Protein backbone atom coordinates (compact mmCIF):
# COMPACT_ATOMS: atom_id res chain seq x y z
CA MET A 1 0.00 0.00 0.00
CA SER A 2 1.41 3.39 -0.96
CA ALA A 3 0.88 6.62 0.94
CA GLU A 4 1.21 10.31 0.14
CA LEU A 5 1.14 13.34 2.38
CA GLU A 6 -0.49 16.36 0.79
CA ILE A 7 0.20 19.90 2.00
CA ASP A 8 -2.55 22.47 1.57
CA TRP A 9 -0.53 25.68 1.34
CA THR A 10 -3.73 27.76 1.48
CA ARG A 11 -4.26 26.56 5.07
CA CYS A 12 -0.65 26.34 6.23
CA GLN A 13 0.90 29.14 8.28
CA GLY A 14 4.42 27.69 8.38
CA ARG A 15 4.53 26.70 12.04
CA GLY A 16 6.94 23.84 11.32
CA LEU A 17 5.49 20.97 13.35
CA CYS A 18 5.33 18.72 10.29
CA ILE A 19 8.91 19.58 9.31
CA GLU A 20 10.14 18.51 12.75
CA LEU A 21 8.29 15.18 12.53
CA LEU A 22 9.22 14.46 8.90
CA ALA A 23 12.67 16.05 8.58
CA ALA A 24 13.79 13.40 6.08
CA ASP A 25 10.89 14.14 3.74
CA LEU A 26 10.10 17.83 4.25
CA THR A 27 12.11 21.01 4.06
CA SER A 28 11.09 24.61 4.66
CA ASP A 29 11.17 27.51 2.28
CA PRO A 30 12.62 30.90 3.38
CA TRP A 31 9.26 31.79 5.02
CA GLY A 32 8.96 28.51 6.96
CA TYR A 33 6.41 26.76 4.76
CA PRO A 34 6.92 23.03 4.22
CA SER A 35 7.58 21.37 0.90
CA ALA A 36 8.70 17.94 -0.20
CA ARG A 37 12.45 17.35 -0.41
CA ARG A 38 13.21 16.90 -4.10
CA ALA A 39 16.54 16.30 -5.77
CA ASP A 40 15.74 18.83 -8.51
CA GLY A 41 15.11 21.64 -5.99
CA HIS A 42 11.53 22.33 -7.07
CA GLN A 43 8.81 22.72 -4.43
CA SER A 44 6.08 20.15 -4.20
CA GLY A 45 3.04 19.89 -1.97
CA THR A 46 2.91 16.10 -2.19
CA VAL A 47 5.29 13.79 -0.35
CA ILE A 48 5.50 10.13 -1.33
CA LEU A 49 6.09 8.32 1.95
CA ALA A 50 8.21 5.30 2.71
CA GLU A 51 6.49 2.63 4.78
CA ASP A 52 8.47 3.58 7.89
CA GLN A 53 7.38 7.24 7.63
CA ARG A 54 3.63 6.63 7.80
CA GLU A 55 3.38 6.75 11.57
CA ALA A 56 5.22 10.09 11.73
CA ALA A 57 3.08 11.43 8.88
CA ASN A 58 -0.10 10.38 10.65
CA GLU A 59 1.14 12.16 13.80
CA ALA A 60 1.90 15.30 11.77
CA VAL A 61 -1.64 15.26 10.33
CA LYS A 62 -3.10 15.00 13.84
CA MET A 63 -0.85 17.75 15.24
CA CYS A 64 -1.33 20.31 12.48
CA PRO A 65 -3.36 23.10 14.12
CA LEU A 66 -4.81 24.27 10.80
CA SER A 67 -5.57 20.88 9.20
CA ALA A 68 -3.22 21.69 6.33
CA LEU A 69 -2.07 18.08 5.90
CA LYS A 70 -3.91 15.09 4.43
CA LEU A 71 -2.66 11.52 4.38
CA ARG A 72 -3.81 9.54 1.36
CA THR A 73 -3.31 5.81 1.02
CA SER A 74 -3.85 3.57 -1.95
CA ALA A 75 -3.82 -0.19 -2.40
CA HIS A 76 -2.06 0.35 -5.74
CA GLN A 77 1.69 0.89 -5.94
């Protein structure tokens, strides 16, 4: 089962809780907003999660005070 974490930048205020929990997958821009770590340097609001990152991602979704994160899972890989 695959999982993705989606960031809703219209809700986010850049508080950084998700970045602390998912430091391997998220980085912050100069204003503190999260984005997916990508090798090409482009920002992305969708993070493809490794199996071992799902628990931390679920915790980040629960802790986000503005509900700016959504965890999506799919049976297809």
